[in-house]
Amino acid sequence: MICFYQGNRKRWLKRNLEHLKRKSWTKEGEQNFKKFKDKLLNAPVVALPDSEKEFELYVYVKQSHAKGILVQEHGKTRWPVAYFSKPLARGWPHCLQNCAPTNLMVTEAQKLTMGEYLICSML
């Protein structure tokens, strides 16, 4: 029974996907795709934290989640060291809506910074 099902599935896929053929791109489209692919493959990865340098934490809230990016300056650019995300409890008073996510992200960041000086910004 399983073999029969697998055979039918292959035929069904072939029949329904046959009309999808490879599209031909213009030269400009092909070049743009290659540039995009190279940027994705060469995207910066997180850097190792350096306790000699100052840490910066950027915090923002989106869809009831506190999100943070811990960055450090390496060379002339800032590189991400870590990304954080924590769900927030609903119903915080307005005065605490910015304090609570910042506190959560600072607590997470301190695990990597080991108590080093931290500059925090709310986005």
PDB file of N, CA and C in Angstrom:
ATOM      1  N   MET A   1       0.822  -1.195   0.000  1.00  0.00           N
ATOM      2  CA  MET A   1       0.000   0.000   0.000  1.00  0.00           C
ATOM      3  C   MET A   1       0.864   1.256   0.000  1.00  0.00           C
ATOM      4  N   ILE A   2       1.948   1.233   0.787  1.00  0.00           N
ATOM      5  CA  ILE A   2       2.819   2.405   0.868  1.00  0.00           C
ATOM      6  C   ILE A   2       3.496   2.656  -0.480  1.00  0.00           C
ATOM      7  N   CYS A   3       3.963   1.584  -1.127  1.00  0.00           N
ATOM      8  CA  CYS A   3       4.611   1.741  -2.438  1.00  0.00           C
ATOM      9  C   CYS A   3       3.641   2.332  -3.454  1.00  0.00           C
ATOM     10  N   PHE A   4       2.401   1.890  -3.406  1.00  0.00           N
ATOM     11  CA  PHE A   4       1.388   2.419  -4.314  1.00  0.00           C
ATOM     12  C   PHE A   4       1.200   3.913  -4.068  1.00  0.00           C
ATOM     13  N   TYR A   5       1.126   4.288  -2.801  1.00  0.00           N
ATOM     14  CA  TYR A   5       0.949   5.700  -2.451  1.00  0.00           C
ATOM     15  C   TYR A   5       2.136   6.527  -2.941  1.00  0.00           C
ATOM     16  N   GLN A   6       3.368   6.027  -2.738  1.00  0.00           N
ATOM     17  CA  GLN A   6       4.552   6.769  -3.172  1.00  0.00           C
ATOM     18  C   GLN A   6       4.588   6.926  -4.683  1.00  0.00           C
ATOM     19  N   GLY A   7       4.198   5.873  -5.405  1.00  0.00           N
ATOM     20  CA  GLY A   7       4.164   5.963  -6.857  1.00  0.00           C
ATOM     21  C   GLY A   7       3.158   6.994  -7.336  1.00  0.00           C
ATOM     22  N   ASN A   8       1.978   7.009  -6.740  1.00  0.00           N
ATOM     23  CA  ASN A   8       0.954   7.987  -7.101  1.00  0.00           C
ATOM     24  C   ASN A   8       1.412   9.403  -6.781  1.00  0.00           C
ATOM     25  N   ARG A   9       2.084   9.563  -5.661  1.00  0.00           N
ATOM     26  CA  ARG A   9       2.543  10.888  -5.259  1.00  0.00           C
ATOM     27  C   ARG A   9       3.555  11.433  -6.271  1.00  0.00           C
ATOM     28  N   LYS A  10       4.462  10.572  -6.733  1.00  0.00           N
ATOM     29  CA  LYS A  10       5.457  11.013  -7.716  1.00  0.00           C
ATOM     30  C   LYS A  10       4.786  11.446  -9.016  1.00  0.00           C
ATOM     31  N   ARG A  11       3.824  10.655  -9.469  1.00  0.00           N
ATOM     32  CA  ARG A  11       3.120  11.015 -10.705  1.00  0.00           C
ATOM     33  C   ARG A  11       2.346  12.313 -10.529  1.00  0.00           C
ATOM     34  N   TRP A  12       1.684  12.450  -9.376  1.00  0.00           N
ATOM     35  CA  TRP A  12       0.907  13.665  -9.106  1.00  0.00           C
ATOM     36  C   TRP A  12       1.820  14.889  -9.098  1.00  0.00           C
ATOM     37  N   LEU A  13       2.967  14.779  -8.430  1.00  0.00           N
ATOM     38  CA  LEU A  13       3.903  15.905  -8.392  1.00  0.00           C
ATOM     39  C   LEU A  13       4.394  16.251  -9.793  1.00  0.00           C
ATOM     40  N   LYS A  14       4.771  15.230 -10.561  1.00  0.00           N
ATOM     41  CA  LYS A  14       5.271  15.478 -11.913  1.00  0.00           C
ATOM     42  C   LYS A  14       4.209  16.150 -12.769  1.00  0.00           C
ATOM     43  N   ARG A  15       2.985  15.665 -12.688  1.00  0.00           N
ATOM     44  CA  ARG A  15       1.893  16.208 -13.492  1.00  0.00           C
ATOM     45  C   ARG A  15       1.599  17.662 -13.106  1.00  0.00           C
ATOM     46  N   ASN A  16       1.606  17.956 -11.807  1.00  0.00           N
ATOM     47  CA  ASN A  16       1.226  19.292 -11.351  1.00  0.00           C
ATOM     48  C   ASN A  16       2.365  20.308 -11.378  1.00  0.00           C
ATOM     49  N   LEU A  17       3.592  19.834 -11.435  1.00  0.00           N
ATOM     50  CA  LEU A  17       4.715  20.773 -11.439  1.00  0.00           C
ATOM     51  C   LEU A  17       5.385  20.899 -12.800  1.00  0.00           C
ATOM     52  N   GLU A  18       4.906  20.153 -13.781  1.00  0.00           N
ATOM     53  CA  GLU A  18       5.507  20.170 -15.107  1.00  0.00           C
ATOM     54  C   GLU A  18       5.456  21.542 -15.760  1.00  0.00           C
ATOM     55  N   HIS A  19       4.392  22.284 -15.487  1.00  0.00           N
ATOM     56  CA  HIS A  19       4.245  23.594 -16.133  1.00  0.00           C
ATOM     57  C   HIS A  19       5.226  24.633 -15.579  1.00  0.00           C
ATOM     58  N   LEU A  20       5.829  24.335 -14.439  1.00  0.00           N
ATOM     59  CA  LEU A  20       6.797  25.279 -13.866  1.00  0.00           C
ATOM     60  C   LEU A  20       8.159  25.008 -14.493  1.00  0.00           C
ATOM     61  N   LYS A  21       8.553  25.824 -15.386  1.00  0.00           N
ATOM     62  CA  LYS A  21       9.837  25.661 -16.069  1.00  0.00           C
ATOM     63  C   LYS A  21      10.767  26.780 -15.623  1.00  0.00           C
ATOM     64  N   ARG A  22      12.032  26.559 -15.807  1.00  0.00           N
ATOM     65  CA  ARG A  22      13.017  27.571 -15.440  1.00  0.00           C
ATOM     66  C   ARG A  22      12.824  28.808 -16.308  1.00  0.00           C
ATOM     67  N   LYS A  23      12.762  29.939 -15.663  1.00  0.00           N
ATOM     68  CA  LYS A  23      12.581  31.204 -16.379  1.00  0.00           C
ATOM     69  C   LYS A  23      13.949  31.744 -16.788  1.00  0.00           C
ATOM     70  N   SER A  24      14.000  32.404 -17.931  1.00  0.00           N
ATOM     71  CA  SER A  24      15.262  33.019 -18.352  1.00  0.00           C
ATOM     72  C   SER A  24      15.302  34.455 -17.834  1.00  0.00           C
ATOM     73  N   TRP A  25      16.431  34.820 -17.275  1.00  0.00           N
ATOM     74  CA  TRP A  25      16.613  36.142 -16.700  1.00  0.00           C
ATOM     75  C   TRP A  25      17.389  37.018 -17.668  1.00  0.00           C
ATOM     76  N   THR A  26      17.209  38.310 -17.500  1.00  0.00           N
ATOM     77  CA  THR A  26      18.039  39.242 -18.255  1.00  0.00           C
ATOM     78  C   THR A  26      19.414  39.266 -17.601  1.00  0.00           C
ATOM     79  N   LYS A  27      20.393  39.830 -18.310  1.00  0.00           N
ATOM     80  CA  LYS A  27      21.742  39.923 -17.741  1.00  0.00           C
ATOM     81  C   LYS A  27      21.735  40.748 -16.458  1.00  0.00           C
ATOM     82  N   GLU A  28      20.973  41.833 -16.485  1.00  0.00           N
ATOM     83  CA  GLU A  28      20.898  42.701 -15.305  1.00  0.00           C
ATOM     84  C   GLU A  28      20.274  41.948 -14.124  1.00  0.00           C
ATOM     85  N   GLY A  29      19.227  41.189 -14.390  1.00  0.00           N
ATOM     86  CA  GLY A  29      18.583  40.408 -13.338  1.00  0.00           C
ATOM     87  C   GLY A  29      19.522  39.360 -12.762  1.00  0.00           C
ATOM     88  N   GLU A  30      20.281  38.710 -13.638  1.00  0.00           N
ATOM     89  CA  GLU A  30      21.246  37.699 -13.197  1.00  0.00           C
ATOM     90  C   GLU A  30      22.344  38.328 -12.338  1.00  0.00           C
ATOM     91  N   GLN A  31      22.843  39.514 -12.752  1.00  0.00           N
ATOM     92  CA  GLN A  31      23.877  40.206 -11.973  1.00  0.00           C
ATOM     93  C   GLN A  31      23.338  40.623 -10.608  1.00  0.00           C
ATOM     94  N   ASN A  32      22.122  41.151 -10.577  1.00  0.00           N
ATOM     95  CA  ASN A  32      21.525  41.551  -9.301  1.00  0.00           C
ATOM     96  C   ASN A  32      21.329  40.352  -8.380  1.00  0.00           C
ATOM     97  N   PHE A  33      20.915  39.221  -8.957  1.00  0.00           N
ATOM     98  CA  PHE A  33      20.740  38.020  -8.151  1.00  0.00           C
ATOM     99  C   PHE A  33      22.076  37.556  -7.574  1.00  0.00           C
ATOM    100  N   LYS A  34      23.133  37.589  -8.386  1.00  0.00           N
ATOM    101  CA  LYS A  34      24.454  37.172  -7.901  1.00  0.00           C
ATOM    102  C   LYS A  34      24.949  38.095  -6.789  1.00  0.00           C
ATOM    103  N   LYS A  35      24.724  39.415  -6.943  1.00  0.00           N
ATOM    104  CA  LYS A  35      25.118  40.362  -5.890  1.00  0.00           C
ATOM    105  C   LYS A  35      24.366  40.067  -4.600  1.00  0.00           C
ATOM    106  N   PHE A  36      23.059  39.830  -4.728  1.00  0.00           N
ATOM    107  CA  PHE A  36      22.229  39.532  -3.563  1.00  0.00           C
ATOM    108  C   PHE A  36      22.705  38.250  -2.876  1.00  0.00           C
ATOM    109  N   LYS A  37      22.989  37.230  -3.675  1.00  0.00           N
ATOM    110  CA  LYS A  37      23.442  35.954  -3.128  1.00  0.00           C
ATOM    111  C   LYS A  37      24.787  36.114  -2.419  1.00  0.00           C
ATOM    112  N   ASP A  38      25.702  36.886  -3.014  1.00  0.00           N
ATOM    113  CA  ASP A  38      27.002  37.121  -2.385  1.00  0.00           C
ATOM    114  C   ASP A  38      26.859  37.854  -1.061  1.00  0.00           C
ATOM    115  N   LYS A  39      25.958  38.835  -1.015  1.00  0.00           N
ATOM    116  CA  LYS A  39      25.743  39.569   0.237  1.00  0.00           C
ATOM    117  C   LYS A  39      25.185  38.651   1.315  1.00  0.00           C
ATOM    118  N   LEU A  40      24.283  37.751   0.941  1.00  0.00           N
ATOM    119  CA  LEU A  40      23.733  36.814   1.917  1.00  0.00           C
ATOM    120  C   LEU A  40      24.798  35.851   2.427  1.00  0.00           C
ATOM    121  N   LEU A  41      25.632  35.367   1.516  1.00  0.00           N
ATOM    122  CA  LEU A  41      26.649  34.399   1.908  1.00  0.00           C
ATOM    123  C   LEU A  41      27.787  35.032   2.694  1.00  0.00           C
ATOM    124  N   ASN A  42      28.041  36.311   2.475  1.00  0.00           N
ATOM    125  CA  ASN A  42      29.137  36.991   3.156  1.00  0.00           C
ATOM    126  C   ASN A  42      28.653  37.926   4.255  1.00  0.00           C
ATOM    127  N   ALA A  43      27.450  37.704   4.732  1.00  0.00           N
ATOM    128  CA  ALA A  43      26.893  38.561   5.780  1.00  0.00           C
ATOM    129  C   ALA A  43      27.739  38.443   7.046  1.00  0.00           C
ATOM    130  N   PRO A  44      27.851  39.535   7.785  1.00  0.00           N
ATOM    131  CA  PRO A  44      28.675  39.477   8.992  1.00  0.00           C
ATOM    132  C   PRO A  44      28.080  38.527  10.026  1.00  0.00           C
ATOM    133  N   VAL A  45      28.960  37.779  10.645  1.00  0.00           N
ATOM    134  CA  VAL A  45      28.542  36.893  11.729  1.00  0.00           C
ATOM    135  C   VAL A  45      28.813  37.598  13.040  1.00  0.00           C
ATOM    136  N   VAL A  46      28.357  37.022  14.113  1.00  0.00           N
ATOM    137  CA  VAL A  46      28.606  37.652  15.401  1.00  0.00           C
ATOM    138  C   VAL A  46      30.094  37.585  15.719  1.00  0.00           C
ATOM    139  N   ALA A  47      30.580  38.642  16.343  1.00  0.00           N
ATOM    140  CA  ALA A  47      31.984  38.714  16.730  1.00  0.00           C
ATOM    141  C   ALA A  47      32.142  38.173  18.146  1.00  0.00           C
ATOM    142  N   LEU A  48      33.357  37.810  18.493  1.00  0.00           N
ATOM    143  CA  LEU A  48      33.627  37.370  19.858  1.00  0.00           C
ATOM    144  C   LEU A  48      33.672  38.581  20.773  1.00  0.00           C
ATOM    145  N   PRO A  49      33.087  38.481  21.965  1.00  0.00           N
ATOM    146  CA  PRO A  49      33.121  39.620  22.879  1.00  0.00           C
ATOM    147  C   PRO A  49      34.541  39.878  23.381  1.00  0.00           C
ATOM    148  N   ASP A  50      34.893  41.137  23.483  1.00  0.00           N
ATOM    149  CA  ASP A  50      36.207  41.553  23.967  1.00  0.00           C
ATOM    150  C   ASP A  50      35.991  42.403  25.214  1.00  0.00           C
ATOM    151  N   SER A  51      36.439  41.910  26.362  1.00  0.00           N
ATOM    152  CA  SER A  51      36.182  42.613  27.624  1.00  0.00           C
ATOM    153  C   SER A  51      36.953  43.924  27.734  1.00  0.00           C
ATOM    154  N   GLU A  52      37.919  44.137  26.862  1.00  0.00           N
ATOM    155  CA  GLU A  52      38.686  45.386  26.872  1.00  0.00           C
ATOM    156  C   GLU A  52      37.893  46.537  26.252  1.00  0.00           C
ATOM    157  N   LYS A  53      36.913  46.206  25.433  1.00  0.00           N
ATOM    158  CA  LYS A  53      36.146  47.231  24.715  1.00  0.00           C
ATOM    159  C   LYS A  53      34.776  47.410  25.345  1.00  0.00           C
ATOM    160  N   GLU A  54      34.203  48.561  25.091  1.00  0.00           N
ATOM    161  CA  GLU A  54      32.895  48.908  25.636  1.00  0.00           C
ATOM    162  C   GLU A  54      31.780  48.178  24.871  1.00  0.00           C
ATOM    163  N   PHE A  55      30.757  47.751  25.599  1.00  0.00           N
ATOM    164  CA  PHE A  55      29.606  47.072  25.009  1.00  0.00           C
ATOM    165  C   PHE A  55      28.460  48.059  24.842  1.00  0.00           C
ATOM    166  N   GLU A  56      27.686  47.878  23.783  1.00  0.00           N
ATOM    167  CA  GLU A  56      26.474  48.668  23.566  1.00  0.00           C
ATOM    168  C   GLU A  56      25.316  47.699  23.373  1.00  0.00           C
ATOM    169  N   LEU A  57      24.212  47.990  24.032  1.00  0.00           N
ATOM    170  CA  LEU A  57      23.026  47.152  23.929  1.00  0.00           C
ATOM    171  C   LEU A  57      21.891  47.986  23.363  1.00  0.00           C
ATOM    172  N   TYR A  58      21.324  47.535  22.255  1.00  0.00           N
ATOM    173  CA  TYR A  58      20.174  48.200  21.646  1.00  0.00           C
ATOM    174  C   TYR A  58      18.943  47.340  21.919  1.00  0.00           C
ATOM    175  N   VAL A  59      17.924  47.950  22.505  1.00  0.00           N
ATOM    176  CA  VAL A  59      16.721  47.227  22.914  1.00  0.00           C
ATOM    177  C   VAL A  59      15.517  47.797  22.176  1.00  0.00           C
ATOM    178  N   TYR A  60      14.632  46.922  21.727  1.00  0.00           N
ATOM    179  CA  TYR A  60      13.364  47.367  21.154  1.00  0.00           C
ATOM    180  C   TYR A  60      12.299  46.320  21.434  1.00  0.00           C
ATOM    181  N   VAL A  61      11.060  46.741  21.353  1.00  0.00           N
ATOM    182  CA  VAL A  61       9.933  45.852  21.626  1.00  0.00           C
ATOM    183  C   VAL A  61       9.117  45.718  20.353  1.00  0.00           C
ATOM    184  N   LYS A  62       8.780  44.480  20.018  1.00  0.00           N
ATOM    185  CA  LYS A  62       7.950  44.226  18.850  1.00  0.00           C
ATOM    186  C   LYS A  62       7.073  43.023  19.149  1.00  0.00           C
ATOM    187  N   GLN A  63       5.780  43.198  18.989  1.00  0.00           N
ATOM    188  CA  GLN A  63       4.796  42.125  19.160  1.00  0.00           C
ATOM    189  C   GLN A  63       4.968  41.392  20.491  1.00  0.00           C
ATOM    190  N   SER A  64       4.995  42.144  21.574  1.00  0.00           N
ATOM    191  CA  SER A  64       5.096  41.604  22.937  1.00  0.00           C
ATOM    192  C   SER A  64       6.370  40.805  23.190  1.00  0.00           C
ATOM    193  N   HIS A  65       7.428  41.119  22.469  1.00  0.00           N
ATOM    194  CA  HIS A  65       8.728  40.498  22.698  1.00  0.00           C
ATOM    195  C   HIS A  65       9.777  41.590  22.840  1.00  0.00           C
ATOM    196  N   ALA A  66      10.608  41.456  23.853  1.00  0.00           N
ATOM    197  CA  ALA A  66      11.753  42.349  24.001  1.00  0.00           C
ATOM    198  C   ALA A  66      12.883  41.751  23.180  1.00  0.00           C
ATOM    199  N   LYS A  67      13.489  42.579  22.357  1.00  0.00           N
ATOM    200  CA  LYS A  67      14.585  42.114  21.511  1.00  0.00           C
ATOM    201  C   LYS A  67      15.784  43.009  21.755  1.00  0.00           C
ATOM    202  N   GLY A  68      16.952  42.416  21.733  1.00  0.00           N
ATOM    203  CA  GLY A  68      18.157  43.189  21.976  1.00  0.00           C
ATOM    204  C   GLY A  68      19.305  42.725  21.107  1.00  0.00           C
ATOM    205  N   ILE A  69      20.182  43.670  20.794  1.00  0.00           N
ATOM    206  CA  ILE A  69      21.397  43.374  20.042  1.00  0.00           C
ATOM    207  C   ILE A  69      22.559  43.941  20.840  1.00  0.00           C
ATOM    208  N   LEU A  70      23.486  43.091  21.199  1.00  0.00           N
ATOM    209  CA  LEU A  70      24.686  43.507  21.906  1.00  0.00           C
ATOM    210  C   LEU A  70      25.783  43.685  20.868  1.00  0.00           C
ATOM    211  N   VAL A  71      26.365  44.875  20.797  1.00  0.00           N
ATOM    212  CA  VAL A  71      27.382  45.158  19.779  1.00  0.00           C
ATOM    213  C   VAL A  71      28.653  45.685  20.433  1.00  0.00           C
ATOM    214  N   GLN A  72      29.747  45.551  19.689  1.00  0.00           N
ATOM    215  CA  GLN A  72      31.033  46.107  20.077  1.00  0.00           C
ATOM    216  C   GLN A  72      31.714  46.641  18.841  1.00  0.00           C
ATOM    217  N   GLU A  73      32.570  47.619  19.053  1.00  0.00           N
ATOM    218  CA  GLU A  73      33.302  48.182  17.928  1.00  0.00           C
ATOM    219  C   GLU A  73      34.513  47.302  17.637  1.00  0.00           C
ATOM    220  N   HIS A  74      34.602  46.855  16.402  1.00  0.00           N
ATOM    221  CA  HIS A  74      35.749  46.080  15.929  1.00  0.00           C
ATOM    222  C   HIS A  74      36.258  46.789  14.689  1.00  0.00           C
ATOM    223  N   GLY A  75      37.440  47.344  14.790  1.00  0.00           N
ATOM    224  CA  GLY A  75      37.941  48.176  13.701  1.00  0.00           C
ATOM    225  C   GLY A  75      37.164  49.471  13.687  1.00  0.00           C
ATOM    226  N   LYS A  76      36.616  49.816  12.533  1.00  0.00           N
ATOM    227  CA  LYS A  76      35.845  51.056  12.415  1.00  0.00           C
ATOM    228  C   LYS A  76      34.342  50.817  12.423  1.00  0.00           C
ATOM    229  N   THR A  77      33.925  49.577  12.528  1.00  0.00           N
ATOM    230  CA  THR A  77      32.492  49.280  12.484  1.00  0.00           C
ATOM    231  C   THR A  77      32.045  48.570  13.756  1.00  0.00           C
ATOM    232  N   ARG A  78      30.752  48.655  14.014  1.00  0.00           N
ATOM    233  CA  ARG A  78      30.167  47.942  15.150  1.00  0.00           C
ATOM    234  C   ARG A  78      29.680  46.582  14.663  1.00  0.00           C
ATOM    235  N   TRP A  79      30.063  45.547  15.369  1.00  0.00           N
ATOM    236  CA  TRP A  79      29.676  44.191  15.015  1.00  0.00           C
ATOM    237  C   TRP A  79      28.778  43.616  16.099  1.00  0.00           C
ATOM    238  N   PRO A  80      27.751  42.870  15.720  1.00  0.00           N
ATOM    239  CA  PRO A  80      26.917  42.221  16.730  1.00  0.00           C
ATOM    240  C   PRO A  80      27.703  41.138  17.459  1.00  0.00           C
ATOM    241  N   VAL A  81      27.533  41.094  18.753  1.00  0.00           N
ATOM    242  CA  VAL A  81      28.158  40.067  19.576  1.00  0.00           C
ATOM    243  C   VAL A  81      27.115  39.022  19.958  1.00  0.00           C
ATOM    244  N   ALA A  82      25.873  39.473  20.167  1.00  0.00           N
ATOM    245  CA  ALA A  82      24.799  38.544  20.530  1.00  0.00           C
ATOM    246  C   ALA A  82      23.446  39.163  20.208  1.00  0.00           C
ATOM    247  N   TYR A  83      22.484  38.291  19.993  1.00  0.00           N
ATOM    248  CA  TYR A  83      21.092  38.693  19.788  1.00  0.00           C
ATOM    249  C   TYR A  83      20.263  38.066  20.909  1.00  0.00           C
ATOM    250  N   PHE A  84      19.314  38.825  21.440  1.00  0.00           N
ATOM    251  CA  PHE A  84      18.464  38.338  22.523  1.00  0.00           C
ATOM    252  C   PHE A  84      16.998  38.549  22.169  1.00  0.00           C
ATOM    253  N   SER A  85      16.150  37.675  22.700  1.00  0.00           N
ATOM    254  CA  SER A  85      14.709  37.824  22.527  1.00  0.00           C
ATOM    255  C   SER A  85      14.015  37.156  23.706  1.00  0.00           C
ATOM    256  N   LYS A  86      13.103  37.878  24.321  1.00  0.00           N
ATOM    257  CA  LYS A  86      12.347  37.352  25.463  1.00  0.00           C
ATOM    258  C   LYS A  86      10.897  37.801  25.345  1.00  0.00           C
ATOM    259  N   PRO A  87       9.945  36.915  25.633  1.00  0.00           N
ATOM    260  CA  PRO A  87       8.540  37.339  25.632  1.00  0.00           C
ATOM    261  C   PRO A  87       8.260  38.246  26.827  1.00  0.00           C
ATOM    262  N   LEU A  88       7.367  39.193  26.631  1.00  0.00           N
ATOM    263  CA  LEU A  88       6.977  40.114  27.699  1.00  0.00           C
ATOM    264  C   LEU A  88       5.591  39.760  28.208  1.00  0.00           C
ATOM    265  N   ALA A  89       5.402  39.951  29.498  1.00  0.00           N
ATOM    266  CA  ALA A  89       4.070  39.773  30.077  1.00  0.00           C
ATOM    267  C   ALA A  89       3.199  40.938  29.626  1.00  0.00           C
ATOM    268  N   ARG A  90       1.948  40.668  29.364  1.00  0.00           N
ATOM    269  CA  ARG A  90       1.031  41.730  28.932  1.00  0.00           C
ATOM    270  C   ARG A  90       0.514  42.485  30.145  1.00  0.00           C
ATOM    271  N   GLY A  91       0.078  43.713  29.902  1.00  0.00           N
ATOM    272  CA  GLY A  91      -0.561  44.486  30.952  1.00  0.00           C
ATOM    273  C   GLY A  91       0.379  45.314  31.804  1.00  0.00           C
ATOM    274  N   TRP A  92       1.599  45.558  31.331  1.00  0.00           N
ATOM    275  CA  TRP A  92       2.499  46.423  32.083  1.00  0.00           C
ATOM    276  C   TRP A  92       1.939  47.840  32.083  1.00  0.00           C
ATOM    277  N   PRO A  93       2.066  48.559  33.212  1.00  0.00           N
ATOM    278  CA  PRO A  93       1.671  49.970  33.215  1.00  0.00           C
ATOM    279  C   PRO A  93       2.530  50.744  32.216  1.00  0.00           C
ATOM    280  N   HIS A  94       1.982  51.816  31.687  1.00  0.00           N
ATOM    281  CA  HIS A  94       2.673  52.585  30.654  1.00  0.00           C
ATOM    282  C   HIS A  94       4.065  53.033  31.107  1.00  0.00           C
ATOM    283  N   CYS A  95       4.195  53.392  32.377  1.00  0.00           N
ATOM    284  CA  CYS A  95       5.480  53.891  32.870  1.00  0.00           C
ATOM    285  C   CYS A  95       6.551  52.802  32.896  1.00  0.00           C
ATOM    286  N   LEU A  96       6.156  51.529  32.911  1.00  0.00           N
ATOM    287  CA  LEU A  96       7.127  50.430  32.966  1.00  0.00           C
ATOM    288  C   LEU A  96       7.336  49.737  31.622  1.00  0.00           C
ATOM    289  N   GLN A  97       6.606  50.147  30.594  1.00  0.00           N
ATOM    290  CA  GLN A  97       6.700  49.462  29.311  1.00  0.00           C
ATOM    291  C   GLN A  97       8.077  49.573  28.670  1.00  0.00           C
ATOM    292  N   ASN A  98       8.848  50.598  29.001  1.00  0.00           N
ATOM    293  CA  ASN A  98      10.208  50.709  28.479  1.00  0.00           C
ATOM    294  C   ASN A  98      11.231  50.155  29.456  1.00  0.00           C
ATOM    295  N   CYS A  99      10.933  50.227  30.742  1.00  0.00           N
ATOM    296  CA  CYS A  99      11.884  49.750  31.751  1.00  0.00           C
ATOM    297  C   CYS A  99      11.979  48.225  31.775  1.00  0.00           C
ATOM    298  N   ALA A 100      10.843  47.547  31.686  1.00  0.00           N
ATOM    299  CA  ALA A 100      10.822  46.089  31.792  1.00  0.00           C
ATOM    300  C   ALA A 100      11.636  45.407  30.688  1.00  0.00           C
ATOM    301  N   PRO A 101      11.437  45.761  29.413  1.00  0.00           N
ATOM    302  CA  PRO A 101      12.238  45.103  28.374  1.00  0.00           C
ATOM    303  C   PRO A 101      13.724  45.413  28.502  1.00  0.00           C
ATOM    304  N   THR A 102      14.042  46.642  28.890  1.00  0.00           N
ATOM    305  CA  THR A 102      15.447  47.007  29.048  1.00  0.00           C
ATOM    306  C   THR A 102      16.074  46.173  30.155  1.00  0.00           C
ATOM    307  N   ASN A 103      15.360  46.012  31.253  1.00  0.00           N
ATOM    308  CA  ASN A 103      15.868  45.208  32.361  1.00  0.00           C
ATOM    309  C   ASN A 103      16.093  43.757  31.933  1.00  0.00           C
ATOM    310  N   LEU A 104      15.146  43.194  31.187  1.00  0.00           N
ATOM    311  CA  LEU A 104      15.295  41.818  30.702  1.00  0.00           C
ATOM    312  C   LEU A 104      16.526  41.660  29.813  1.00  0.00           C
ATOM    313  N   MET A 105      16.719  42.596  28.903  1.00  0.00           N
ATOM    314  CA  MET A 105      17.837  42.499  27.968  1.00  0.00           C
ATOM    315  C   MET A 105      19.181  42.741  28.659  1.00  0.00           C
ATOM    316  N   VAL A 106      19.211  43.661  29.618  1.00  0.00           N
ATOM    317  CA  VAL A 106      20.452  43.907  30.363  1.00  0.00           C
ATOM    318  C   VAL A 106      20.828  42.657  31.152  1.00  0.00           C
ATOM    319  N   THR A 107      19.838  42.007  31.750  1.00  0.00           N
ATOM    320  CA  THR A 107      20.099  40.772  32.496  1.00  0.00           C
ATOM    321  C   THR A 107      20.696  39.704  31.583  1.00  0.00           C
ATOM    322  N   GLU A 108      20.158  39.568  30.374  1.00  0.00           N
ATOM    323  CA  GLU A 108      20.694  38.599  29.410  1.00  0.00           C
ATOM    324  C   GLU A 108      22.102  38.992  28.958  1.00  0.00           C
ATOM    325  N   ALA A 109      22.308  40.278  28.697  1.00  0.00           N
ATOM    326  CA  ALA A 109      23.605  40.748  28.203  1.00  0.00           C
ATOM    327  C   ALA A 109      24.698  40.586  29.249  1.00  0.00           C
ATOM    328  N   GLN A 110      24.354  40.720  30.519  1.00  0.00           N
ATOM    329  CA  GLN A 110      25.359  40.609  31.576  1.00  0.00           C
ATOM    330  C   GLN A 110      25.969  39.217  31.649  1.00  0.00           C
ATOM    331  N   LYS A 111      25.292  38.230  31.114  1.00  0.00           N
ATOM    332  CA  LYS A 111      25.857  36.879  31.069  1.00  0.00           C
ATOM    333  C   LYS A 111      27.088  36.836  30.170  1.00  0.00           C
ATOM    334  N   LEU A 112      27.107  37.694  29.149  1.00  0.00           N
ATOM    335  CA  LEU A 112      28.259  37.746  28.239  1.00  0.00           C
ATOM    336  C   LEU A 112      29.265  38.820  28.622  1.00  0.00           C
ATOM    337  N   THR A 113      28.774  39.928  29.137  1.00  0.00           N
ATOM    338  CA  THR A 113      29.675  41.041  29.451  1.00  0.00           C
ATOM    339  C   THR A 113      30.361  40.857  30.794  1.00  0.00           C
ATOM    340  N   MET A 114      29.855  39.972  31.610  1.00  0.00           N
ATOM    341  CA  MET A 114      30.415  39.677  32.932  1.00  0.00           C
ATOM    342  C   MET A 114      30.574  40.928  33.779  1.00  0.00           C
ATOM    343  N   GLY A 115      29.548  41.752  33.758  1.00  0.00           N
ATOM    344  CA  GLY A 115      29.537  42.941  34.604  1.00  0.00           C
ATOM    345  C   GLY A 115      30.313  44.121  34.059  1.00  0.00           C
ATOM    346  N   GLU A 116      30.829  44.022  32.842  1.00  0.00           N
ATOM    347  CA  GLU A 116      31.558  45.146  32.246  1.00  0.00           C
ATOM    348  C   GLU A 116      30.598  46.296  31.969  1.00  0.00           C
ATOM    349  N   TYR A 117      31.162  47.469  31.720  1.00  0.00           N
ATOM    350  CA  TYR A 117      30.391  48.676  31.437  1.00  0.00           C
ATOM    351  C   TYR A 117      29.530  48.452  30.195  1.00  0.00           C
ATOM    352  N   LEU A 118      28.275  48.855  30.268  1.00  0.00           N
ATOM    353  CA  LEU A 118      27.319  48.609  29.195  1.00  0.00           C
ATOM    354  C   LEU A 118      26.545  49.882  28.894  1.00  0.00           C
ATOM    355  N   ILE A 119      26.553  50.301  27.638  1.00  0.00           N
ATOM    356  CA  ILE A 119      25.754  51.448  27.198  1.00  0.00           C
ATOM    357  C   ILE A 119      24.469  50.881  26.615  1.00  0.00           C
ATOM    358  N   CYS A 120      23.342  51.365  27.101  1.00  0.00           N
ATOM    359  CA  CYS A 120      22.059  50.810  26.683  1.00  0.00           C
ATOM    360  C   CYS A 120      21.223  51.881  25.988  1.00  0.00           C
ATOM    361  N   SER A 121      20.622  51.527  24.851  1.00  0.00           N
ATOM    362  CA  SER A 121      19.759  52.451  24.106  1.00  0.00           C
ATOM    363  C   SER A 121      18.461  51.748  23.758  1.00  0.00           C
ATOM    364  N   MET A 122      17.368  52.461  23.923  1.00  0.00           N
ATOM    365  CA  MET A 122      16.048  51.934  23.557  1.00  0.00           C
ATOM    366  C   MET A 122      15.712  52.435  22.158  1.00  0.00           C
ATOM    367  N   LEU A 123      15.411  51.532  21.252  1.00  0.00           N
ATOM    368  CA  LEU A 123      15.067  51.927  19.882  1.00  0.00           C
ATOM    369  C   LEU A 123      13.580  52.056  19.725  1.00  0.00           C
TER     370      LEU A 123
END
